[in-house]
């Protein structure tokens, strides 16, 4: 935990949550708030609601990083002094926006850098296909060449979702000599072709692709979209990659498939519950590469996120809030 107290007077208490990397204060200029806010940066994560409510008692402004800490209606009800929430990005499915509005809590967002996740997607695809992690561990332990990798050239890349990220991943796939195919519930053959992929139905995508990569948003419709049936269609030498949201893939079904060797491997940046529990079964599997939700975690993205967070707080304190996600909130916006 890092504190930056205001010198003198009554400061507005401001919390920055889940700063795992200790980057918040270094990635933006917070000096403009120093005479108005007492800033506390928390570099750990609290999942327990009672502990979280106790920690955040008295804070009027809370700055949150993506969906690391959910803000439910129940939690918001336990924070009566909260006036402003700033979330990175312009949407946060872990935040009950309606409850915030009802309680008069203004919610503001920031700009983002959505295409960064496409780069991590390819890092995971390559790491799994060429057994990078296994070979790194082996060479450090004195072994020389344990595995035989897979080619990507000439293989089929199946994209579950073909929005901005899926389209970017398809473009990079073509550079590797892969054939991009795509499916989602609203995707048409014409739109797929326009975005650089060939439309196939859901069953064909899972059955015929050599790499399946998930790029759809999480909703009630997509929760569990990639389940035991879909994974069961995949080739025994196929790879599944998920850099979207954990609950889109049935984690238990995926663990079972990886354990049985019915698919070759997986690259996962997102999980059903984050952070992963210390005894999670994924840790026992060698045919999966795990990263801790790093899709958006780059220096450039953090500079945008934290710079815009500071700007949002400054605008709020000046009585002119920006990037407001719930303008109907009866917020107590100061008059500057």
C-alpha atoms as a PDB file:
ATOM      1  CA  UNK A   1       0.000   0.000   0.000  1.00  0.00           C
ATOM      2  CA  UNK A   2       1.306   3.456  -0.960  1.00  0.00           C
ATOM      3  CA  UNK A   3      -0.007   6.689   0.476  1.00  0.00           C
ATOM      4  CA  UNK A   4       0.352  10.184  -0.879  1.00  0.00           C
ATOM      5  CA  UNK A   5      -1.284  12.419   1.768  1.00  0.00           C
ATOM      6  CA  UNK A   6      -2.334  15.972   1.225  1.00  0.00           C
ATOM      7  CA  UNK A   7      -0.513  18.535   3.343  1.00  0.00           C
ATOM      8  CA  UNK A   8      -2.968  20.516   5.450  1.00  0.00           C
ATOM      9  CA  UNK A   9      -6.734  20.944   5.321  1.00  0.00           C
ATOM     10  CA  UNK A  10      -9.400  18.338   4.758  1.00  0.00           C
ATOM     11  CA  UNK A  11      -8.483  16.208   1.797  1.00  0.00           C
ATOM     12  CA  UNK A  12     -10.831  14.151  -0.336  1.00  0.00           C
ATOM     13  CA  UNK A  13      -9.906  10.513   0.204  1.00  0.00           C
ATOM     14  CA  UNK A  14      -9.009   8.802  -3.065  1.00  0.00           C
ATOM     15  CA  UNK A  15      -8.184   5.103  -3.472  1.00  0.00           C
ATOM     16  CA  UNK A  16      -6.474   3.409  -6.398  1.00  0.00           C
ATOM     17  CA  UNK A  17      -7.198  -0.331  -6.356  1.00  0.00           C
ATOM     18  CA  UNK A  18      -5.376  -3.424  -7.587  1.00  0.00           C
ATOM     19  CA  UNK A  19      -2.168  -1.731  -8.680  1.00  0.00           C
ATOM     20  CA  UNK A  20      -0.406  -5.091  -8.958  1.00  0.00           C
ATOM     21  CA  UNK A  21       2.550  -3.613 -10.801  1.00  0.00           C
ATOM     22  CA  UNK A  22       3.092  -0.538  -8.628  1.00  0.00           C
ATOM     23  CA  UNK A  23       2.598   1.551 -11.746  1.00  0.00           C
ATOM     24  CA  UNK A  24      -0.219   3.974 -10.958  1.00  0.00           C
ATOM     25  CA  UNK A  25       1.828   6.838  -9.547  1.00  0.00           C
ATOM     26  CA  UNK A  26       4.632   6.431 -12.079  1.00  0.00           C
ATOM     27  CA  UNK A  27       2.457   6.239 -15.202  1.00  0.00           C
ATOM     28  CA  UNK A  28       0.669   9.565 -14.748  1.00  0.00           C
ATOM     29  CA  UNK A  29       1.167  12.992 -13.183  1.00  0.00           C
ATOM     30  CA  UNK A  30      -0.945  13.103 -10.023  1.00  0.00           C
ATOM     31  CA  UNK A  31       0.599  16.346  -8.738  1.00  0.00           C
ATOM     32  CA  UNK A  32      -2.427  18.399  -9.758  1.00  0.00           C
ATOM     33  CA  UNK A  33      -4.451  16.538  -7.134  1.00  0.00           C
ATOM     34  CA  UNK A  34      -1.933  16.862  -4.311  1.00  0.00           C
ATOM     35  CA  UNK A  35      -3.597  19.871  -2.677  1.00  0.00           C
ATOM     36  CA  UNK A  36      -7.093  18.353  -2.830  1.00  0.00           C
ATOM     37  CA  UNK A  37      -6.801  14.592  -2.428  1.00  0.00           C
ATOM     38  CA  UNK A  38      -5.244  12.145  -0.007  1.00  0.00           C
ATOM     39  CA  UNK A  39      -4.274   9.334  -2.350  1.00  0.00           C
ATOM     40  CA  UNK A  40      -3.903   5.727  -1.207  1.00  0.00           C
ATOM     41  CA  UNK A  41      -2.719   3.114  -3.690  1.00  0.00           C
ATOM     42  CA  UNK A  42      -3.451  -0.544  -2.918  1.00  0.00           C
ATOM     43  CA  UNK A  43      -1.189  -3.012  -4.690  1.00  0.00           C
ATOM     44  CA  UNK A  44      -2.963  -6.157  -3.477  1.00  0.00           C
ATOM     45  CA  UNK A  45      -6.383  -7.649  -4.233  1.00  0.00           C
ATOM     46  CA  UNK A  46      -9.184  -8.261  -1.768  1.00  0.00           C
ATOM     47  CA  UNK A  47     -11.905 -10.690  -2.827  1.00  0.00           C
ATOM     48  CA  UNK A  48     -13.766 -10.764   0.504  1.00  0.00           C
ATOM     49  CA  UNK A  49     -16.551  -8.179   0.484  1.00  0.00           C
ATOM     50  CA  UNK A  50     -16.390  -7.523   4.234  1.00  0.00           C
ATOM     51  CA  UNK A  51     -12.655  -6.841   4.089  1.00  0.00           C
ATOM     52  CA  UNK A  52     -13.069  -4.706   0.976  1.00  0.00           C
ATOM     53  CA  UNK A  53     -15.885  -2.620   2.476  1.00  0.00           C
ATOM     54  CA  UNK A  54     -13.780  -2.037   5.604  1.00  0.00           C
ATOM     55  CA  UNK A  55     -10.772  -1.005   3.535  1.00  0.00           C
ATOM     56  CA  UNK A  56     -12.736   1.438   1.405  1.00  0.00           C
ATOM     57  CA  UNK A  57     -14.732   3.055   4.202  1.00  0.00           C
ATOM     58  CA  UNK A  58     -14.512   6.830   3.963  1.00  0.00           C
ATOM     59  CA  UNK A  59     -13.193   7.043   0.411  1.00  0.00           C
ATOM     60  CA  UNK A  60     -15.100   9.501  -1.773  1.00  0.00           C
ATOM     61  CA  UNK A  61     -13.242   8.623  -4.980  1.00  0.00           C
ATOM     62  CA  UNK A  62     -12.190   5.127  -6.030  1.00  0.00           C
ATOM     63  CA  UNK A  63     -10.177   4.384  -9.167  1.00  0.00           C
ATOM     64  CA  UNK A  64     -10.410   0.809 -10.415  1.00  0.00           C
ATOM     65  CA  UNK A  65      -8.454  -1.165 -12.985  1.00  0.00           C
ATOM     66  CA  UNK A  66     -10.705  -2.944 -15.460  1.00  0.00           C
ATOM     67  CA  UNK A  67     -12.686  -5.746 -13.791  1.00  0.00           C
ATOM     68  CA  UNK A  68     -10.154  -6.770 -11.150  1.00  0.00           C
ATOM     69  CA  UNK A  69     -12.460  -5.813  -8.275  1.00  0.00           C
ATOM     70  CA  UNK A  70     -16.211  -6.199  -8.867  1.00  0.00           C
ATOM     71  CA  UNK A  71     -18.455  -3.437  -7.530  1.00  0.00           C
ATOM     72  CA  UNK A  72     -21.802  -5.045  -6.839  1.00  0.00           C
ATOM     73  CA  UNK A  73     -24.941  -3.379  -5.567  1.00  0.00           C
ATOM     74  CA  UNK A  74     -24.253  -4.876  -2.130  1.00  0.00           C
ATOM     75  CA  UNK A  75     -20.740  -3.445  -1.977  1.00  0.00           C
ATOM     76  CA  UNK A  76     -21.844  -0.018  -3.190  1.00  0.00           C
ATOM     77  CA  UNK A  77     -24.501   0.060  -0.461  1.00  0.00           C
ATOM     78  CA  UNK A  78     -21.712  -0.306   2.113  1.00  0.00           C
ATOM     79  CA  UNK A  79     -19.803   2.716   0.812  1.00  0.00           C
ATOM     80  CA  UNK A  80     -22.067   5.686   1.679  1.00  0.00           C
ATOM     81  CA  UNK A  81     -19.321   8.285   1.226  1.00  0.00           C
ATOM     82  CA  UNK A  82     -18.429   7.176  -2.292  1.00  0.00           C
ATOM     83  CA  UNK A  83     -19.135   9.896  -4.859  1.00  0.00           C
ATOM     84  CA  UNK A  84     -17.003   8.993  -7.892  1.00  0.00           C
ATOM     85  CA  UNK A  85     -15.836   5.746  -9.460  1.00  0.00           C
ATOM     86  CA  UNK A  86     -13.308   5.928 -12.273  1.00  0.00           C
ATOM     87  CA  UNK A  87     -12.916   2.712 -14.240  1.00  0.00           C
ATOM     88  CA  UNK A  88     -10.310   2.144 -16.902  1.00  0.00           C
ATOM     89  CA  UNK A  89     -11.994   1.671 -20.247  1.00  0.00           C
ATOM     90  CA  UNK A  90     -15.461   2.787 -21.252  1.00  0.00           C
ATOM     91  CA  UNK A  91     -17.251  -0.293 -19.967  1.00  0.00           C
ATOM     92  CA  UNK A  92     -16.938  -2.557 -16.946  1.00  0.00           C
ATOM     93  CA  UNK A  93     -19.134  -5.637 -16.644  1.00  0.00           C
ATOM     94  CA  UNK A  94     -18.012  -6.162 -13.048  1.00  0.00           C
ATOM     95  CA  UNK A  95     -19.573  -2.854 -12.018  1.00  0.00           C
ATOM     96  CA  UNK A  96     -23.304  -2.565 -11.264  1.00  0.00           C
ATOM     97  CA  UNK A  97     -23.870   0.684 -13.122  1.00  0.00           C
ATOM     98  CA  UNK A  98     -27.579   0.806 -12.281  1.00  0.00           C
ATOM     99  CA  UNK A  99     -26.841   0.476  -8.559  1.00  0.00           C
ATOM    100  CA  UNK A 100     -24.191   3.192  -8.768  1.00  0.00           C
ATOM    101  CA  UNK A 101     -26.671   5.468 -10.500  1.00  0.00           C
ATOM    102  CA  UNK A 102     -29.348   4.759  -7.912  1.00  0.00           C
ATOM    103  CA  UNK A 103     -26.940   5.684  -5.123  1.00  0.00           C
ATOM    104  CA  UNK A 104     -25.827   8.878  -6.842  1.00  0.00           C
ATOM    105  CA  UNK A 105     -22.316   7.619  -7.576  1.00  0.00           C
ATOM    106  CA  UNK A 106     -20.938   9.081 -10.777  1.00  0.00           C
ATOM    107  CA  UNK A 107     -18.992   6.633 -12.929  1.00  0.00           C
ATOM    108  CA  UNK A 108     -16.414   7.861 -15.428  1.00  0.00           C
ATOM    109  CA  UNK A 109     -14.227   5.915 -17.842  1.00  0.00           C
ATOM    110  CA  UNK A 110     -11.014   6.294 -19.770  1.00  0.00           C
ATOM    111  CA  UNK A 111      -9.797   5.682 -23.253  1.00  0.00           C
ATOM    112  CA  UNK A 112      -8.202   2.320 -23.981  1.00  0.00           C
ATOM    113  CA  UNK A 113      -5.908   0.490 -26.364  1.00  0.00           C
ATOM    114  CA  UNK A 114      -7.963  -2.549 -27.359  1.00  0.00           C
ATOM    115  CA  UNK A 115      -5.686  -4.005 -30.032  1.00  0.00           C
ATOM    116  CA  UNK A 116      -2.876  -4.719 -27.552  1.00  0.00           C
ATOM    117  CA  UNK A 117      -4.605  -7.980 -26.644  1.00  0.00           C
ATOM    118  CA  UNK A 118      -4.124  -9.259 -30.204  1.00  0.00           C
ATOM    119  CA  UNK A 119      -0.373  -9.230 -29.622  1.00  0.00           C
ATOM    120  CA  UNK A 120      -0.701 -11.321 -26.456  1.00  0.00           C
ATOM    121  CA  UNK A 121      -3.007 -13.711 -28.311  1.00  0.00           C
ATOM    122  CA  UNK A 122      -0.204 -14.445 -30.732  1.00  0.00           C
ATOM    123  CA  UNK A 123       2.331 -14.735 -27.928  1.00  0.00           C
ATOM    124  CA  UNK A 124       0.162 -17.482 -26.427  1.00  0.00           C
ATOM    125  CA  UNK A 125      -0.459 -19.224 -29.745  1.00  0.00           C
ATOM    126  CA  UNK A 126       3.270 -19.360 -30.452  1.00  0.00           C
ATOM    127  CA  UNK A 127       4.164 -20.329 -26.887  1.00  0.00           C
ATOM    128  CA  UNK A 128       1.824 -23.324 -27.018  1.00  0.00           C
ATOM    129  CA  UNK A 129       2.566 -24.354 -30.608  1.00  0.00           C
ATOM    130  CA  UNK A 130       6.335 -24.297 -30.086  1.00  0.00           C
ATOM    131  CA  UNK A 131       6.341 -25.402 -26.417  1.00  0.00           C
ATOM    132  CA  UNK A 132       8.260 -22.294 -25.387  1.00  0.00           C
ATOM    133  CA  UNK A 133       7.557 -22.549 -21.659  1.00  0.00           C
ATOM    134  CA  UNK A 134       8.381 -26.265 -21.449  1.00  0.00           C
ATOM    135  CA  UNK A 135      11.619 -25.797 -23.345  1.00  0.00           C
ATOM    136  CA  UNK A 136      12.602 -22.806 -21.223  1.00  0.00           C
ATOM    137  CA  UNK A 137      12.123 -24.859 -18.060  1.00  0.00           C
ATOM    138  CA  UNK A 138      13.959 -27.837 -19.561  1.00  0.00           C
ATOM    139  CA  UNK A 139      17.027 -25.915 -20.682  1.00  0.00           C
ATOM    140  CA  UNK A 140      17.329 -24.276 -17.259  1.00  0.00           C
ATOM    141  CA  UNK A 141      17.343 -27.775 -15.749  1.00  0.00           C
ATOM    142  CA  UNK A 142      20.065 -29.085 -18.039  1.00  0.00           C
ATOM    143  CA  UNK A 143      17.968 -30.721 -20.754  1.00  0.00           C
ATOM    144  CA  UNK A 144      18.376 -29.900 -24.422  1.00  0.00           C
ATOM    145  CA  UNK A 145      15.322 -30.365 -26.624  1.00  0.00           C
ATOM    146  CA  UNK A 146      12.339 -32.096 -25.056  1.00  0.00           C
ATOM    147  CA  UNK A 147       9.517 -31.385 -27.471  1.00  0.00           C
ATOM    148  CA  UNK A 148       8.526 -31.191 -31.133  1.00  0.00           C
ATOM    149  CA  UNK A 149       6.549 -28.104 -32.085  1.00  0.00           C
ATOM    150  CA  UNK A 150       3.661 -27.547 -34.479  1.00  0.00           C
ATOM    151  CA  UNK A 151       3.718 -25.575 -37.723  1.00  0.00           C
ATOM    152  CA  UNK A 152       1.254 -22.744 -38.225  1.00  0.00           C
ATOM    153  CA  UNK A 153       1.757 -22.163 -41.936  1.00  0.00           C
ATOM    154  CA  UNK A 154      -1.004 -23.816 -43.917  1.00  0.00           C
ATOM    155  CA  UNK A 155      -3.124 -24.420 -40.819  1.00  0.00           C
ATOM    156  CA  UNK A 156      -6.624 -23.155 -40.067  1.00  0.00           C
ATOM    157  CA  UNK A 157      -7.188 -20.372 -37.527  1.00  0.00           C
ATOM    158  CA  UNK A 158     -10.700 -20.436 -36.027  1.00  0.00           C
ATOM    159  CA  UNK A 159     -11.936 -17.180 -34.520  1.00  0.00           C
ATOM    160  CA  UNK A 160     -14.899 -17.142 -32.144  1.00  0.00           C
ATOM    161  CA  UNK A 161     -15.875 -13.538 -32.706  1.00  0.00           C
ATOM    162  CA  UNK A 162     -14.653 -11.212 -35.443  1.00  0.00           C
ATOM    163  CA  UNK A 163     -14.808  -7.723 -33.984  1.00  0.00           C
ATOM    164  CA  UNK A 164     -11.826  -5.378 -33.796  1.00  0.00           C
ATOM    165  CA  UNK A 165      -9.652  -7.867 -31.925  1.00  0.00           C
ATOM    166  CA  UNK A 166     -10.684 -10.923 -33.904  1.00  0.00           C
ATOM    167  CA  UNK A 167     -10.096  -9.054 -37.148  1.00  0.00           C
ATOM    168  CA  UNK A 168      -6.614  -8.028 -35.996  1.00  0.00           C
ATOM    169  CA  UNK A 169      -5.785 -11.605 -35.004  1.00  0.00           C
ATOM    170  CA  UNK A 170      -7.012 -12.802 -38.413  1.00  0.00           C
ATOM    171  CA  UNK A 171      -4.762 -10.308 -40.180  1.00  0.00           C
ATOM    172  CA  UNK A 172      -1.712 -11.500 -38.238  1.00  0.00           C
ATOM    173  CA  UNK A 173      -2.737 -15.108 -38.880  1.00  0.00           C
ATOM    174  CA  UNK A 174      -2.583 -14.480 -42.610  1.00  0.00           C
ATOM    175  CA  UNK A 175       0.972 -13.187 -42.181  1.00  0.00           C
ATOM    176  CA  UNK A 176       1.831 -16.582 -40.665  1.00  0.00           C
ATOM    177  CA  UNK A 177       0.290 -18.289 -43.683  1.00  0.00           C
ATOM    178  CA  UNK A 178      -2.823 -19.465 -41.845  1.00  0.00           C
ATOM    179  CA  UNK A 179      -6.373 -19.593 -43.172  1.00  0.00           C
ATOM    180  CA  UNK A 180      -8.682 -17.546 -40.910  1.00  0.00           C
ATOM    181  CA  UNK A 181     -12.251 -18.781 -40.450  1.00  0.00           C
ATOM    182  CA  UNK A 182     -14.757 -17.232 -38.081  1.00  0.00           C
ATOM    183  CA  UNK A 183     -18.104 -17.696 -36.400  1.00  0.00           C
ATOM    184  CA  UNK A 184     -20.313 -15.802 -33.985  1.00  0.00           C
ATOM    185  CA  UNK A 185     -24.060 -15.651 -33.571  1.00  0.00           C
ATOM    186  CA  UNK A 186     -24.355 -12.343 -35.439  1.00  0.00           C
ATOM    187  CA  UNK A 187     -21.604 -12.817 -38.010  1.00  0.00           C
ATOM    188  CA  UNK A 188     -22.595 -13.165 -41.666  1.00  0.00           C
ATOM    189  CA  UNK A 189     -20.514 -14.640 -44.511  1.00  0.00           C
ATOM    190  CA  UNK A 190     -20.373 -11.193 -46.148  1.00  0.00           C
ATOM    191  CA  UNK A 191     -19.110  -9.453 -43.003  1.00  0.00           C
ATOM    192  CA  UNK A 192     -16.578 -12.198 -42.364  1.00  0.00           C
ATOM    193  CA  UNK A 193     -15.175 -11.835 -45.870  1.00  0.00           C
ATOM    194  CA  UNK A 194     -15.026  -8.054 -45.470  1.00  0.00           C
ATOM    195  CA  UNK A 195     -12.963  -8.524 -42.290  1.00  0.00           C
ATOM    196  CA  UNK A 196     -10.538 -10.987 -43.812  1.00  0.00           C
ATOM    197  CA  UNK A 197     -11.937 -14.367 -42.799  1.00  0.00           C
ATOM    198  CA  UNK A 198     -14.210 -17.054 -44.159  1.00  0.00           C
ATOM    199  CA  UNK A 199     -17.478 -17.717 -42.327  1.00  0.00           C
ATOM    200  CA  UNK A 200     -18.121 -21.259 -41.115  1.00  0.00           C
ATOM    201  CA  UNK A 201     -20.719 -22.626 -38.751  1.00  0.00           C
ATOM    202  CA  UNK A 202     -19.897 -23.194 -35.097  1.00  0.00           C
ATOM    203  CA  UNK A 203     -19.434 -26.953 -35.337  1.00  0.00           C
ATOM    204  CA  UNK A 204     -17.125 -26.682 -38.354  1.00  0.00           C
ATOM    205  CA  UNK A 205     -15.017 -24.034 -36.646  1.00  0.00           C
ATOM    206  CA  UNK A 206     -14.271 -26.245 -33.660  1.00  0.00           C
ATOM    207  CA  UNK A 207     -13.972 -29.483 -35.630  1.00  0.00           C
ATOM    208  CA  UNK A 208     -11.737 -28.217 -38.423  1.00  0.00           C
ATOM    209  CA  UNK A 209      -9.558 -25.492 -36.892  1.00  0.00           C
ATOM    210  CA  UNK A 210      -5.991 -26.109 -35.782  1.00  0.00           C
ATOM    211  CA  UNK A 211      -6.052 -23.073 -33.486  1.00  0.00           C
ATOM    212  CA  UNK A 212      -9.260 -21.759 -31.922  1.00  0.00           C
ATOM    213  CA  UNK A 213      -9.042 -18.254 -30.443  1.00  0.00           C
ATOM    214  CA  UNK A 214     -11.862 -16.598 -28.466  1.00  0.00           C
ATOM    215  CA  UNK A 215     -12.653 -12.929 -29.172  1.00  0.00           C
ATOM    216  CA  UNK A 216     -16.251 -12.366 -28.137  1.00  0.00           C
ATOM    217  CA  UNK A 217     -17.574 -10.293 -25.246  1.00  0.00           C
ATOM    218  CA  UNK A 218     -18.898 -11.899 -22.084  1.00  0.00           C
ATOM    219  CA  UNK A 219     -22.667 -11.815 -21.713  1.00  0.00           C
ATOM    220  CA  UNK A 220     -25.346 -14.177 -20.509  1.00  0.00           C
ATOM    221  CA  UNK A 221     -25.532 -15.450 -24.078  1.00  0.00           C
ATOM    222  CA  UNK A 222     -21.807 -16.202 -24.341  1.00  0.00           C
ATOM    223  CA  UNK A 223     -21.199 -17.529 -20.824  1.00  0.00           C
ATOM    224  CA  UNK A 224     -20.124 -21.164 -21.287  1.00  0.00           C
ATOM    225  CA  UNK A 225     -20.211 -20.727 -25.075  1.00  0.00           C
ATOM    226  CA  UNK A 226     -17.144 -22.935 -25.426  1.00  0.00           C
ATOM    227  CA  UNK A 227     -18.245 -25.971 -23.450  1.00  0.00           C
ATOM    228  CA  UNK A 228     -17.581 -29.691 -23.337  1.00  0.00           C
ATOM    229  CA  UNK A 229     -19.416 -30.249 -26.638  1.00  0.00           C
ATOM    230  CA  UNK A 230     -17.367 -27.655 -28.511  1.00  0.00           C
ATOM    231  CA  UNK A 231     -14.059 -28.753 -26.985  1.00  0.00           C
ATOM    232  CA  UNK A 232     -15.007 -32.345 -27.763  1.00  0.00           C
ATOM    233  CA  UNK A 233     -15.194 -31.466 -31.463  1.00  0.00           C
ATOM    234  CA  UNK A 234     -11.623 -30.197 -31.574  1.00  0.00           C
ATOM    235  CA  UNK A 235      -8.761 -32.132 -33.159  1.00  0.00           C
ATOM    236  CA  UNK A 236      -6.354 -33.922 -30.831  1.00  0.00           C
ATOM    237  CA  UNK A 237      -3.525 -31.667 -32.059  1.00  0.00           C
ATOM    238  CA  UNK A 238      -5.565 -28.444 -31.845  1.00  0.00           C
ATOM    239  CA  UNK A 239      -4.884 -25.461 -29.562  1.00  0.00           C
ATOM    240  CA  UNK A 240      -7.431 -23.333 -27.707  1.00  0.00           C
ATOM    241  CA  UNK A 241      -6.576 -19.735 -26.752  1.00  0.00           C
ATOM    242  CA  UNK A 242      -8.705 -17.420 -24.628  1.00  0.00           C
ATOM    243  CA  UNK A 243      -7.745 -13.779 -24.107  1.00  0.00           C
ATOM    244  CA  UNK A 244     -11.336 -12.538 -23.874  1.00  0.00           C
ATOM    245  CA  UNK A 245     -13.081 -13.453 -20.601  1.00  0.00           C
ATOM    246  CA  UNK A 246     -12.727 -16.618 -18.556  1.00  0.00           C
ATOM    247  CA  UNK A 247     -16.398 -17.601 -18.174  1.00  0.00           C
ATOM    248  CA  UNK A 248     -16.837 -17.848 -21.957  1.00  0.00           C
ATOM    249  CA  UNK A 249     -14.944 -21.165 -21.761  1.00  0.00           C
ATOM    250  CA  UNK A 250     -16.132 -23.956 -19.481  1.00  0.00           C
ATOM    251  CA  UNK A 251     -13.011 -24.213 -17.327  1.00  0.00           C
ATOM    252  CA  UNK A 252     -13.798 -27.672 -15.929  1.00  0.00           C
ATOM    253  CA  UNK A 253     -14.387 -29.071 -19.420  1.00  0.00           C
ATOM    254  CA  UNK A 254     -11.143 -27.549 -20.654  1.00  0.00           C
ATOM    255  CA  UNK A 255      -9.152 -28.952 -17.723  1.00  0.00           C
ATOM    256  CA  UNK A 256     -10.626 -32.390 -18.420  1.00  0.00           C
ATOM    257  CA  UNK A 257      -9.661 -32.192 -22.107  1.00  0.00           C
ATOM    258  CA  UNK A 258      -6.124 -31.011 -21.343  1.00  0.00           C
ATOM    259  CA  UNK A 259      -5.685 -33.692 -18.706  1.00  0.00           C
ATOM    260  CA  UNK A 260      -6.894 -36.395 -21.099  1.00  0.00           C
ATOM    261  CA  UNK A 261      -4.805 -35.066 -23.978  1.00  0.00           C
ATOM    262  CA  UNK A 262      -7.856 -34.834 -26.217  1.00  0.00           C
ATOM    263  CA  UNK A 263      -6.544 -31.455 -27.404  1.00  0.00           C
ATOM    264  CA  UNK A 264      -2.875 -30.534 -27.695  1.00  0.00           C
ATOM    265  CA  UNK A 265      -2.840 -27.513 -25.446  1.00  0.00           C
ATOM    266  CA  UNK A 266      -4.242 -24.155 -24.424  1.00  0.00           C
ATOM    267  CA  UNK A 267      -3.090 -20.603 -23.855  1.00  0.00           C
ATOM    268  CA  UNK A 268      -5.119 -18.754 -21.234  1.00  0.00           C
ATOM    269  CA  UNK A 269      -4.950 -15.139 -20.116  1.00  0.00           C
ATOM    270  CA  UNK A 270      -8.375 -15.064 -18.443  1.00  0.00           C
ATOM    271  CA  UNK A 271     -10.114 -17.312 -15.938  1.00  0.00           C
ATOM    272  CA  UNK A 272     -13.437 -18.022 -14.247  1.00  0.00           C
ATOM    273  CA  UNK A 273     -12.161 -16.455 -11.010  1.00  0.00           C
ATOM    274  CA  UNK A 274      -9.196 -14.082 -10.887  1.00  0.00           C
ATOM    275  CA  UNK A 275      -6.622 -14.281  -9.410  1.00  0.00           C
ATOM    276  CA  UNK A 276      -6.384 -18.057  -9.706  1.00  0.00           C
ATOM    277  CA  UNK A 277      -6.532 -20.044  -6.479  1.00  0.00           C
ATOM    278  CA  UNK A 278      -3.200 -21.556  -5.430  1.00  0.00           C
ATOM    279  CA  UNK A 279      -4.580 -25.092  -5.803  1.00  0.00           C
ATOM    280  CA  UNK A 280      -6.192 -24.597  -9.221  1.00  0.00           C
ATOM    281  CA  UNK A 281      -5.941 -27.770 -11.359  1.00  0.00           C
ATOM    282  CA  UNK A 282      -4.508 -25.813 -14.296  1.00  0.00           C
ATOM    283  CA  UNK A 283      -1.226 -25.484 -12.409  1.00  0.00           C
ATOM    284  CA  UNK A 284      -0.690 -29.243 -12.585  1.00  0.00           C
ATOM    285  CA  UNK A 285      -0.893 -29.357 -16.396  1.00  0.00           C
ATOM    286  CA  UNK A 286       2.128 -28.973 -18.670  1.00  0.00           C
ATOM    287  CA  UNK A 287       0.140 -28.472 -21.881  1.00  0.00           C
ATOM    288  CA  UNK A 288      -1.233 -25.062 -20.924  1.00  0.00           C
ATOM    289  CA  UNK A 289       0.438 -21.641 -20.853  1.00  0.00           C
ATOM    290  CA  UNK A 290      -1.009 -19.254 -18.276  1.00  0.00           C
ATOM    291  CA  UNK A 291      -0.722 -15.473 -18.044  1.00  0.00           C
ATOM    292  CA  UNK A 292      -2.430 -13.271 -15.399  1.00  0.00           C
ATOM    293  CA  UNK A 293      -4.853 -11.233 -17.552  1.00  0.00           C
ATOM    294  CA  UNK A 294      -2.068  -9.370 -19.342  1.00  0.00           C
ATOM    295  CA  UNK A 295      -3.883  -8.610 -22.581  1.00  0.00           C
ATOM    296  CA  UNK A 296      -4.063  -4.889 -21.868  1.00  0.00           C
ATOM    297  CA  UNK A 297      -1.040  -4.658 -19.552  1.00  0.00           C
ATOM    298  CA  UNK A 298       1.544  -2.622 -21.462  1.00  0.00           C
ATOM    299  CA  UNK A 299       3.318   0.608 -20.622  1.00  0.00           C
ATOM    300  CA  UNK A 300       1.518   2.528 -23.350  1.00  0.00           C
ATOM    301  CA  UNK A 301      -1.897   1.282 -22.219  1.00  0.00           C
ATOM    302  CA  UNK A 302      -1.171   2.090 -18.581  1.00  0.00           C
ATOM    303  CA  UNK A 303      -0.118   5.618 -19.495  1.00  0.00           C
ATOM    304  CA  UNK A 304      -3.471   6.102 -21.214  1.00  0.00           C
ATOM    305  CA  UNK A 305      -5.431   4.456 -18.383  1.00  0.00           C
ATOM    306  CA  UNK A 306      -3.831   6.294 -15.484  1.00  0.00           C
ATOM    307  CA  UNK A 307      -3.429   9.583 -17.355  1.00  0.00           C
ATOM    308  CA  UNK A 308      -7.128   9.575 -18.185  1.00  0.00           C
ATOM    309  CA  UNK A 309      -7.959   8.514 -14.610  1.00  0.00           C
ATOM    310  CA  UNK A 310      -6.207  11.594 -13.254  1.00  0.00           C
ATOM    311  CA  UNK A 311      -7.950  13.762 -15.849  1.00  0.00           C
ATOM    312  CA  UNK A 312     -11.327  12.300 -14.857  1.00  0.00           C
ATOM    313  CA  UNK A 313     -10.768  13.080 -11.176  1.00  0.00           C
ATOM    314  CA  UNK A 314      -9.575  16.603 -11.956  1.00  0.00           C
ATOM    315  CA  UNK A 315     -12.606  17.250 -14.177  1.00  0.00           C
ATOM    316  CA  UNK A 316     -14.963  15.916 -11.514  1.00  0.00           C
ATOM    317  CA  UNK A 317     -13.463  18.127  -8.823  1.00  0.00           C
ATOM    318  CA  UNK A 318     -13.807  21.075 -11.195  1.00  0.00           C
ATOM    319  CA  UNK A 319     -17.503  20.325 -11.613  1.00  0.00           C
ATOM    320  CA  UNK A 320     -17.143  19.302 -15.252  1.00  0.00           C
ATOM    321  CA  UNK A 321     -16.979  15.489 -15.304  1.00  0.00           C
ATOM    322  CA  UNK A 322     -15.797  13.782 -18.491  1.00  0.00           C
ATOM    323  CA  UNK A 323     -16.401  10.384 -20.094  1.00  0.00           C
ATOM    324  CA  UNK A 324     -19.419   9.860 -17.869  1.00  0.00           C
ATOM    325  CA  UNK A 325     -20.929   6.384 -18.100  1.00  0.00           C
ATOM    326  CA  UNK A 326     -24.078   7.158 -16.112  1.00  0.00           C
ATOM    327  CA  UNK A 327     -25.042  10.788 -16.776  1.00  0.00           C
ATOM    328  CA  UNK A 328     -28.452  10.188 -15.204  1.00  0.00           C
ATOM    329  CA  UNK A 329     -26.861   9.711 -11.777  1.00  0.00           C
ATOM    330  CA  UNK A 330     -27.951  12.302  -9.243  1.00  0.00           C
ATOM    331  CA  UNK A 331     -24.342  12.844  -8.328  1.00  0.00           C
ATOM    332  CA  UNK A 332     -23.035  15.424  -5.917  1.00  0.00           C
ATOM    333  CA  UNK A 333     -20.697  16.954  -8.418  1.00  0.00           C
ATOM    334  CA  UNK A 334     -18.742  19.799  -6.828  1.00  0.00           C
ATOM    335  CA  UNK A 335     -18.888  23.246  -8.410  1.00  0.00           C
ATOM    336  CA  UNK A 336     -15.147  23.529  -8.791  1.00  0.00           C
END
